[in-house]
Structure formats: structure tokens, C-alpha cells
Amino acid sequence: MLTINVAVLLAVIVVLRLRRRTEARSRLDEKLTGVLVLALGVLLAPTAFGQWLADALGEVAHGITQSSKD
């Protein structure tokens, strides 16, 4: 249960950081946002929602790959 709460907190932080204007970001801000997104991915991956999201994205990628071959 704690993992979900930390994941929600990280998701809110990421959304707030990404809403800022691009011109106002420094390289350090961009690196920090990247680290936060990576940490969010690591926290979500073992959850049921993370598995569902990975499966859904896999299906989308498979559909795109199949449509490009035709």
C-alpha cells in the first residue's frame, strides 16, 4: 500500500514539473524530472496497474509494428 501512495505522490510531482514552461528549465531541472519519472516507473512496474499499462503499451506497439509491415 505504501508503494501506491509514493507512486501517486511522484506522479503528482512529475505532472507539476512538466506543466512548467520549457524555456524556464535548466539542465538540472530536466535531469531531476527524468530521475523522478524513472523512479515512478520502478514503483509502478510491479503493481497490477503497472502490469496492465505495460500490456496495453505492448499491444499498441505490436499494432503499430504490424501496420507498418503491411
C-alpha atoms as a PDB file:
ATOM      1  CA  MET A   1       0.000   0.000   0.000  1.00  0.00           C
ATOM      2  CA  LEU A   2       2.872   2.364   0.713  1.00  0.00           C
ATOM      3  CA  THR A   3       4.213   1.877  -2.815  1.00  0.00           C
ATOM      4  CA  ILE A   4       0.981   3.140  -4.345  1.00  0.00           C
ATOM      5  CA  ASN A   5       0.967   6.240  -2.125  1.00  0.00           C
ATOM      6  CA  VAL A   6       4.562   7.086  -3.022  1.00  0.00           C
ATOM      7  CA  ALA A   7       3.778   6.434  -6.677  1.00  0.00           C
ATOM      8  CA  VAL A   8       0.804   8.808  -6.553  1.00  0.00           C
ATOM      9  CA  LEU A   9       2.933  11.467  -4.886  1.00  0.00           C
ATOM     10  CA  LEU A  10       5.642  11.060  -7.535  1.00  0.00           C
ATOM     11  CA  ALA A  11       3.047  11.213 -10.306  1.00  0.00           C
ATOM     12  CA  VAL A  12       1.710  14.498  -8.942  1.00  0.00           C
ATOM     13  CA  ILE A  13       5.235  15.924  -8.692  1.00  0.00           C
ATOM     14  CA  VAL A  14       6.036  14.858 -12.253  1.00  0.00           C
ATOM     15  CA  VAL A  15       2.835  16.401 -13.619  1.00  0.00           C
ATOM     16  CA  LEU A  16       3.508  19.657 -11.799  1.00  0.00           C
ATOM     17  CA  ARG A  17       7.100  19.768 -13.044  1.00  0.00           C
ATOM     18  CA  LEU A  18       6.081  19.031 -16.633  1.00  0.00           C
ATOM     19  CA  ARG A  19       3.465  21.799 -16.628  1.00  0.00           C
ATOM     20  CA  ARG A  20       6.209  24.402 -16.302  1.00  0.00           C
ATOM     21  CA  ARG A  21       7.316  26.185 -19.436  1.00  0.00           C
ATOM     22  CA  THR A  22      10.185  24.536 -21.280  1.00  0.00           C
ATOM     23  CA  GLU A  23      12.198  27.756 -21.583  1.00  0.00           C
ATOM     24  CA  ALA A  24      12.297  28.129 -17.804  1.00  0.00           C
ATOM     25  CA  ARG A  25      14.003  24.761 -17.209  1.00  0.00           C
ATOM     26  CA  SER A  26      17.690  24.257 -16.626  1.00  0.00           C
ATOM     27  CA  ARG A  27      19.606  21.077 -17.362  1.00  0.00           C
ATOM     28  CA  LEU A  28      19.461  20.183 -13.678  1.00  0.00           C
ATOM     29  CA  ASP A  29      15.664  20.539 -13.712  1.00  0.00           C
ATOM     30  CA  GLU A  30      15.417  18.266 -16.748  1.00  0.00           C
ATOM     31  CA  LYS A  31      17.700  15.658 -15.164  1.00  0.00           C
ATOM     32  CA  LEU A  32      15.702  15.738 -11.927  1.00  0.00           C
ATOM     33  CA  THR A  33      12.450  15.279 -13.839  1.00  0.00           C
ATOM     34  CA  GLY A  34      13.991  12.323 -15.680  1.00  0.00           C
ATOM     35  CA  VAL A  35      15.068  10.717 -12.406  1.00  0.00           C
ATOM     36  CA  LEU A  36      11.599  11.249 -10.924  1.00  0.00           C
ATOM     37  CA  VAL A  37       9.935   9.665 -13.962  1.00  0.00           C
ATOM     38  CA  LEU A  38      12.318   6.708 -13.767  1.00  0.00           C
ATOM     39  CA  ALA A  39      11.575   6.271 -10.051  1.00  0.00           C
ATOM     40  CA  LEU A  40       7.839   6.425 -10.797  1.00  0.00           C
ATOM     41  CA  GLY A  41       8.253   3.704 -13.414  1.00  0.00           C
ATOM     42  CA  VAL A  42      10.160   1.491 -10.988  1.00  0.00           C
ATOM     43  CA  LEU A  43       7.441   1.916  -8.364  1.00  0.00           C
ATOM     44  CA  LEU A  44       4.571   1.241 -10.782  1.00  0.00           C
ATOM     45  CA  ALA A  45       6.095  -1.716 -12.635  1.00  0.00           C
ATOM     46  CA  PRO A  46       5.392  -4.457 -10.041  1.00  0.00           C
ATOM     47  CA  THR A  47       1.821  -3.317  -9.348  1.00  0.00           C
ATOM     48  CA  ALA A  48      -1.287  -4.625 -11.122  1.00  0.00           C
ATOM     49  CA  PHE A  49      -1.768  -1.212 -12.746  1.00  0.00           C
ATOM     50  CA  GLY A  50       1.835  -1.238 -13.938  1.00  0.00           C
ATOM     51  CA  GLN A  51       1.413  -4.683 -15.478  1.00  0.00           C
ATOM     52  CA  TRP A  52      -1.825  -3.614 -17.183  1.00  0.00           C
ATOM     53  CA  LEU A  53      -0.130  -0.478 -18.534  1.00  0.00           C
ATOM     54  CA  ALA A  54       2.834  -2.475 -19.838  1.00  0.00           C
ATOM     55  CA  ASP A  55       0.499  -4.953 -21.548  1.00  0.00           C
ATOM     56  CA  ALA A  56      -1.555  -2.134 -23.102  1.00  0.00           C
ATOM     57  CA  LEU A  57       1.539  -0.339 -24.392  1.00  0.00           C
ATOM     58  CA  GLY A  58       2.856  -3.642 -25.731  1.00  0.00           C
ATOM     59  CA  GLU A  59      -0.363  -4.190 -27.671  1.00  0.00           C
ATOM     60  CA  VAL A  60      -0.180  -0.661 -29.112  1.00  0.00           C
ATOM     61  CA  ALA A  61       3.438  -1.175 -30.127  1.00  0.00           C
ATOM     62  CA  HIS A  62       2.584  -4.534 -31.690  1.00  0.00           C
ATOM     63  CA  GLY A  63      -0.294  -2.957 -33.633  1.00  0.00           C
ATOM     64  CA  ILE A  64       1.946  -0.165 -34.915  1.00  0.00           C
ATOM     65  CA  THR A  65       4.623  -2.652 -35.937  1.00  0.00           C
ATOM     66  CA  GLN A  66       2.081  -4.832 -37.766  1.00  0.00           C
ATOM     67  CA  SER A  67       0.530  -1.847 -39.570  1.00  0.00           C
ATOM     68  CA  SER A  68       3.935  -0.642 -40.757  1.00  0.00           C
ATOM     69  CA  LYS A  69       4.730  -4.085 -42.239  1.00  0.00           C
ATOM     70  CA  ASP A  70       1.549  -4.120 -44.370  1.00  0.00           C
END
